[in-house]
Amino acid sequence: MRKLIILSVVMGLIQSISAQSLKAVKYADGAQELNGLVTSNAGKNLPGVLILPAWMGIDDEAKTTALELEKHGYIAFVADIYGKGNIPTDFSSAAKIATQFKTDYNLYQKRISLALAQLKAAGAQSSKIAVIGYCFGGTGALETARAGMDVVGVVSIHGGLGKAADRPNGAIKAKILIENPAEDKGVTKEIYDQQVQEMKDAKADWQIITYANCGHTFTNPTSQEYNEVMAKRAWNHTLGFLGEVLK
């Protein structure tokens, strides 16, 4: 009897570990192969969250976020924006390719749209989808809102704010949460004010939370700028926002 109980416990642990895995998903933009990841609860008709990674491509932070979101009852899909053969090897190459997508925002929006289609194909409820992004992905979350994609909310986590001056402000229907580190050198007062004005002009439902004593990558445990206290607060704010717009 005791052996059966132990075996049952072990099998339960194995199933739990198995449930917390990500499955590779191949898709494409024309001839460009893309390789995303989806949580193991795909196909269960749940609210969905698209994760847009930082400028180095799919990293541990994006993967960990997907697994955590699965625990909270969401199907999560990690987008591949750059595609096979285009993964940065260092910060210099990451800056170069990220800048290309920020400049060619139509291509960035297209890659996000393709990833959203994969999230829906994985069983996410089409009326209950949100997008969150880190760094370069945070910029992508805002581009999702600007493009008027069919999502109910976006979260930009230490993302690049603002946009080119020659791009007019348009309508924004998705609710917006921006999580902004106070010491992010890439977000000047001018850029910050431009972002606020854009959302005001759009009459959007928006909020910005600023985190004290934080550099740019404050949520990433592998970064020298990681701030554990503020990272936990930001995550709780993200969960609260997703709970509001998706449940």
Protein backbone atom coordinates (compact mmCIF):
# COMPACT_ATOMS: atom_id res chain seq x y z
CA MET A 1 0.00 0.00 0.00
CA ARG A 2 2.81 2.37 0.93
CA LYS A 3 4.55 1.69 -2.40
CA LEU A 4 1.35 2.52 -4.25
CA ILE A 5 1.05 5.82 -2.37
CA ILE A 6 4.67 6.72 -3.12
CA LEU A 7 4.20 5.78 -6.79
CA SER A 8 1.06 7.93 -6.94
CA VAL A 9 2.93 10.92 -5.48
CA VAL A 10 5.83 10.47 -7.90
CA MET A 11 3.48 10.20 -10.87
CA GLY A 12 1.71 13.34 -9.71
CA LEU A 13 5.01 15.20 -9.57
CA ILE A 14 5.95 13.98 -13.03
CA GLN A 15 2.61 15.12 -14.41
CA SER A 16 3.04 18.50 -12.71
CA ILE A 17 6.49 18.94 -14.21
CA SER A 18 5.20 17.84 -17.60
CA ALA A 19 2.37 20.36 -17.36
CA GLN A 20 4.92 23.10 -16.83
CA SER A 21 6.62 22.80 -20.19
CA LEU A 22 6.55 24.84 -23.37
CA LYS A 23 5.88 23.34 -26.78
CA ALA A 24 7.63 24.56 -29.91
CA VAL A 25 5.42 25.98 -32.65
CA LYS A 26 6.69 26.54 -36.17
CA TYR A 27 4.97 29.15 -38.31
CA ALA A 28 6.09 31.55 -41.01
CA ASP A 29 6.04 34.99 -42.54
CA GLY A 30 6.36 34.10 -46.21
CA ALA A 31 9.77 32.42 -46.61
CA GLN A 32 10.88 33.45 -43.12
CA GLU A 33 10.56 30.58 -40.63
CA LEU A 34 9.38 31.60 -37.17
CA ASN A 35 9.65 29.49 -34.01
CA GLY A 36 7.40 30.36 -31.09
CA LEU A 37 6.50 28.59 -27.87
CA VAL A 38 3.11 27.77 -26.38
CA THR A 39 2.10 26.56 -22.94
CA SER A 40 0.95 22.98 -22.46
CA ASN A 41 -2.67 24.01 -21.76
CA ALA A 42 -3.16 24.84 -25.44
CA GLY A 43 -6.55 23.78 -26.75
CA LYS A 44 -8.42 24.31 -23.49
CA ASN A 45 -10.48 27.36 -24.54
CA LEU A 46 -8.95 29.80 -22.05
CA PRO A 47 -8.06 33.49 -22.14
CA GLY A 48 -4.79 34.06 -23.98
CA VAL A 49 -1.69 36.19 -23.47
CA LEU A 50 0.85 36.90 -26.18
CA ILE A 51 4.37 37.51 -24.86
CA LEU A 52 6.73 39.70 -26.89
CA PRO A 53 10.35 39.09 -25.82
CA ALA A 54 13.11 41.61 -25.24
CA TRP A 55 15.68 42.55 -27.89
CA MET A 56 17.78 39.37 -27.57
CA GLY A 57 14.84 37.28 -28.76
CA ILE A 58 13.10 34.51 -26.82
CA ASP A 59 14.88 34.42 -23.46
CA ASP A 60 14.43 32.91 -20.00
CA GLU A 61 12.34 35.85 -18.81
CA ALA A 62 9.80 35.31 -21.61
CA LYS A 63 9.73 31.55 -20.98
CA THR A 64 9.32 31.94 -17.22
CA THR A 65 6.53 34.44 -17.75
CA ALA A 66 4.69 32.01 -20.02
CA LEU A 67 4.90 29.22 -17.42
CA GLU A 68 3.70 31.54 -14.67
CA LEU A 69 0.77 32.72 -16.76
CA GLU A 70 -0.23 29.12 -17.38
CA LYS A 71 -0.49 28.66 -13.60
CA HIS A 72 -2.95 31.56 -13.53
CA GLY A 73 -5.21 29.99 -16.13
CA TYR A 74 -3.99 31.60 -19.35
CA ILE A 75 -2.78 30.08 -22.59
CA ALA A 76 0.48 31.89 -23.29
CA PHE A 77 2.32 32.11 -26.59
CA VAL A 78 5.87 33.47 -26.85
CA ALA A 79 6.31 35.19 -30.21
CA ASP A 80 9.33 34.86 -32.46
CA ILE A 81 9.69 38.28 -34.01
CA TYR A 82 13.10 37.96 -35.68
CA GLY A 83 12.83 34.48 -37.17
CA LYS A 84 15.21 31.60 -37.76
CA GLY A 85 18.73 32.71 -38.65
CA ASN A 86 18.26 36.20 -37.21
CA ILE A 87 18.86 35.64 -33.49
CA PRO A 88 21.22 38.26 -31.98
CA THR A 89 24.46 37.03 -30.44
CA ASP A 90 25.32 40.18 -28.51
CA PHE A 91 23.89 43.58 -27.56
CA SER A 92 25.27 45.23 -30.69
CA SER A 93 23.50 42.83 -33.05
CA ALA A 94 20.37 42.99 -30.90
CA ALA A 95 20.31 46.78 -31.10
CA LYS A 96 20.71 46.61 -34.87
CA ILE A 97 17.86 44.20 -35.59
CA ALA A 98 15.54 45.73 -32.97
CA THR A 99 16.08 49.16 -34.53
CA GLN A 100 15.16 47.74 -37.93
CA PHE A 101 11.82 46.54 -36.59
CA LYS A 102 11.15 49.75 -34.69
CA THR A 103 11.80 51.71 -37.88
CA ASP A 104 9.80 49.34 -40.07
CA TYR A 105 6.91 49.24 -37.63
CA ASN A 106 4.59 47.77 -40.25
CA LEU A 107 6.76 44.64 -40.35
CA TYR A 108 6.85 44.56 -36.55
CA GLN A 109 3.06 44.79 -36.43
CA LYS A 110 2.78 42.03 -39.05
CA ARG A 111 4.97 39.65 -37.00
CA ILE A 112 2.88 40.41 -33.91
CA SER A 113 -0.31 39.74 -35.87
CA LEU A 114 1.04 36.38 -37.05
CA ALA A 115 1.87 35.43 -33.47
CA LEU A 116 -1.62 36.42 -32.34
CA ALA A 117 -3.04 34.09 -34.97
CA GLN A 118 -0.97 31.27 -33.50
CA LEU A 119 -2.26 32.07 -30.02
CA LYS A 120 -5.83 31.86 -31.28
CA ALA A 121 -5.04 28.62 -33.10
CA ALA A 122 -3.80 27.26 -29.76
CA GLY A 123 -7.30 27.63 -28.35
CA ALA A 124 -7.21 31.07 -26.77
CA GLN A 125 -10.61 32.75 -26.61
CA SER A 126 -10.59 35.33 -29.40
CA SER A 127 -12.48 37.89 -27.31
CA LYS A 128 -10.10 37.53 -24.35
CA ILE A 129 -6.57 38.15 -25.53
CA ALA A 130 -3.93 40.50 -24.14
CA VAL A 131 -0.33 41.27 -25.06
CA ILE A 132 2.60 41.85 -22.74
CA GLY A 133 6.13 42.72 -23.77
CA TYR A 134 9.53 43.38 -22.26
CA CYS A 135 11.96 46.05 -23.50
CA PHE A 136 11.78 45.81 -27.32
CA GLY A 137 8.69 43.67 -26.74
CA GLY A 138 7.21 46.47 -24.64
CA THR A 139 7.47 48.68 -27.69
CA GLY A 140 5.69 45.91 -29.58
CA ALA A 141 2.87 45.86 -27.05
CA LEU A 142 2.28 49.55 -27.79
CA GLU A 143 2.48 48.88 -31.54
CA THR A 144 -0.25 46.26 -31.06
CA ALA A 145 -2.49 48.96 -29.59
CA ARG A 146 -1.57 51.47 -32.28
CA ALA A 147 -2.42 48.97 -35.02
CA GLY A 148 -5.87 48.40 -33.52
CA MET A 149 -5.37 44.65 -33.29
CA ASP A 150 -8.14 42.59 -31.76
CA VAL A 151 -6.86 42.52 -28.17
CA VAL A 152 -8.44 43.86 -25.01
CA GLY A 153 -5.30 45.08 -23.29
CA VAL A 154 -1.53 45.53 -23.59
CA VAL A 155 1.23 45.76 -20.99
CA SER A 156 4.51 47.49 -21.85
CA ILE A 157 7.20 46.48 -19.32
CA HIS A 158 10.23 48.80 -19.47
CA GLY A 159 9.43 49.23 -23.15
CA GLY A 160 10.62 51.94 -25.47
CA LEU A 161 7.97 54.65 -25.40
CA GLY A 162 6.92 57.18 -27.99
CA LYS A 163 7.15 56.88 -31.77
CA ALA A 164 8.47 58.78 -34.77
CA ALA A 165 7.27 62.37 -34.89
CA ASP A 166 5.90 61.97 -38.43
CA ARG A 167 3.46 59.26 -37.31
CA PRO A 168 0.08 60.78 -36.44
CA ASN A 169 -1.75 59.80 -33.28
CA GLY A 170 -4.70 57.53 -33.99
CA ALA A 171 -7.45 55.68 -32.21
CA ILE A 172 -6.56 53.14 -29.53
CA LYS A 173 -9.19 50.70 -28.29
CA ALA A 174 -7.05 48.38 -26.14
CA LYS A 175 -6.54 49.22 -22.48
CA ILE A 176 -2.91 50.12 -21.74
CA LEU A 177 -0.66 49.53 -18.76
CA ILE A 178 2.88 50.91 -18.96
CA GLU A 179 5.36 49.78 -16.30
CA ASN A 180 8.16 52.31 -16.45
CA PRO A 181 11.43 52.25 -14.43
CA ALA A 182 12.21 55.69 -13.02
CA GLU A 183 15.87 55.54 -14.02
CA ASP A 184 15.41 54.30 -17.58
CA LYS A 185 17.81 56.50 -19.54
CA GLY A 186 16.04 55.65 -22.78
CA VAL A 187 12.82 57.34 -21.66
CA THR A 188 13.42 61.07 -21.55
CA LYS A 189 10.83 63.55 -20.29
CA GLU A 190 10.09 64.49 -23.90
CA ILE A 191 9.47 60.86 -24.91
CA TYR A 192 7.41 60.22 -21.78
CA ASP A 193 5.25 63.29 -22.41
CA GLN A 194 4.81 62.31 -26.07
CA GLN A 195 3.53 58.89 -25.02
CA VAL A 196 1.06 60.40 -22.58
CA GLN A 197 -0.18 62.84 -25.21
CA GLU A 198 -0.65 60.04 -27.73
CA MET A 199 -2.86 58.13 -25.30
CA LYS A 200 -4.79 61.25 -24.37
CA ASP A 201 -5.41 62.09 -28.02
CA ALA A 202 -6.69 58.55 -28.53
CA LYS A 203 -8.98 58.87 -25.51
CA ALA A 204 -7.54 55.54 -24.43
CA ASP A 205 -7.98 53.74 -21.11
CA TRP A 206 -4.39 53.99 -19.89
CA GLN A 207 -2.16 54.08 -16.85
CA ILE A 208 1.57 54.42 -16.22
CA ILE A 209 3.19 53.03 -13.09
CA THR A 210 6.70 54.27 -12.37
CA TYR A 211 9.02 52.15 -10.23
CA ALA A 212 11.55 53.94 -8.01
CA ASN A 213 15.27 53.24 -8.02
CA CYS A 214 15.03 51.07 -11.14
CA GLY A 215 17.14 50.91 -14.26
CA HIS A 216 15.87 49.71 -17.62
CA THR A 217 15.83 45.90 -17.18
CA PHE A 218 14.62 45.91 -13.59
CA THR A 219 12.38 42.83 -13.99
CA ASN A 220 15.05 40.49 -15.38
CA PRO A 221 16.79 38.42 -12.66
CA THR A 222 19.88 37.99 -14.87
CA SER A 223 20.36 41.74 -15.26
CA GLN A 224 22.59 43.90 -13.07
CA GLU A 225 19.64 46.31 -12.93
CA TYR A 226 17.31 43.71 -11.42
CA ASN A 227 15.29 45.08 -8.51
CA GLU A 228 13.55 42.19 -6.77
CA VAL A 229 11.09 44.28 -4.77
CA MET A 230 9.98 46.38 -7.72
CA ALA A 231 9.95 43.39 -10.06
CA LYS A 232 7.49 41.62 -7.77
CA ARG A 233 5.32 44.72 -7.61
CA ALA A 234 5.36 45.01 -11.39
CA TRP A 235 4.37 41.35 -11.77
CA ASN A 236 1.49 41.79 -9.34
CA HIS A 237 0.36 44.86 -11.29
CA THR A 238 0.53 42.82 -14.50
CA LEU A 239 -1.56 40.02 -13.01
CA GLY A 240 -4.09 42.49 -11.67
CA PHE A 241 -4.44 44.13 -15.06
CA LEU A 242 -4.79 40.81 -16.88
CA GLY A 243 -7.34 39.68 -14.32
CA GLU A 244 -9.39 42.80 -14.99
CA VAL A 245 -9.38 42.68 -18.79
CA LEU A 246 -9.43 38.91 -19.40
CA LYS A 247 -11.55 37.30 -16.68
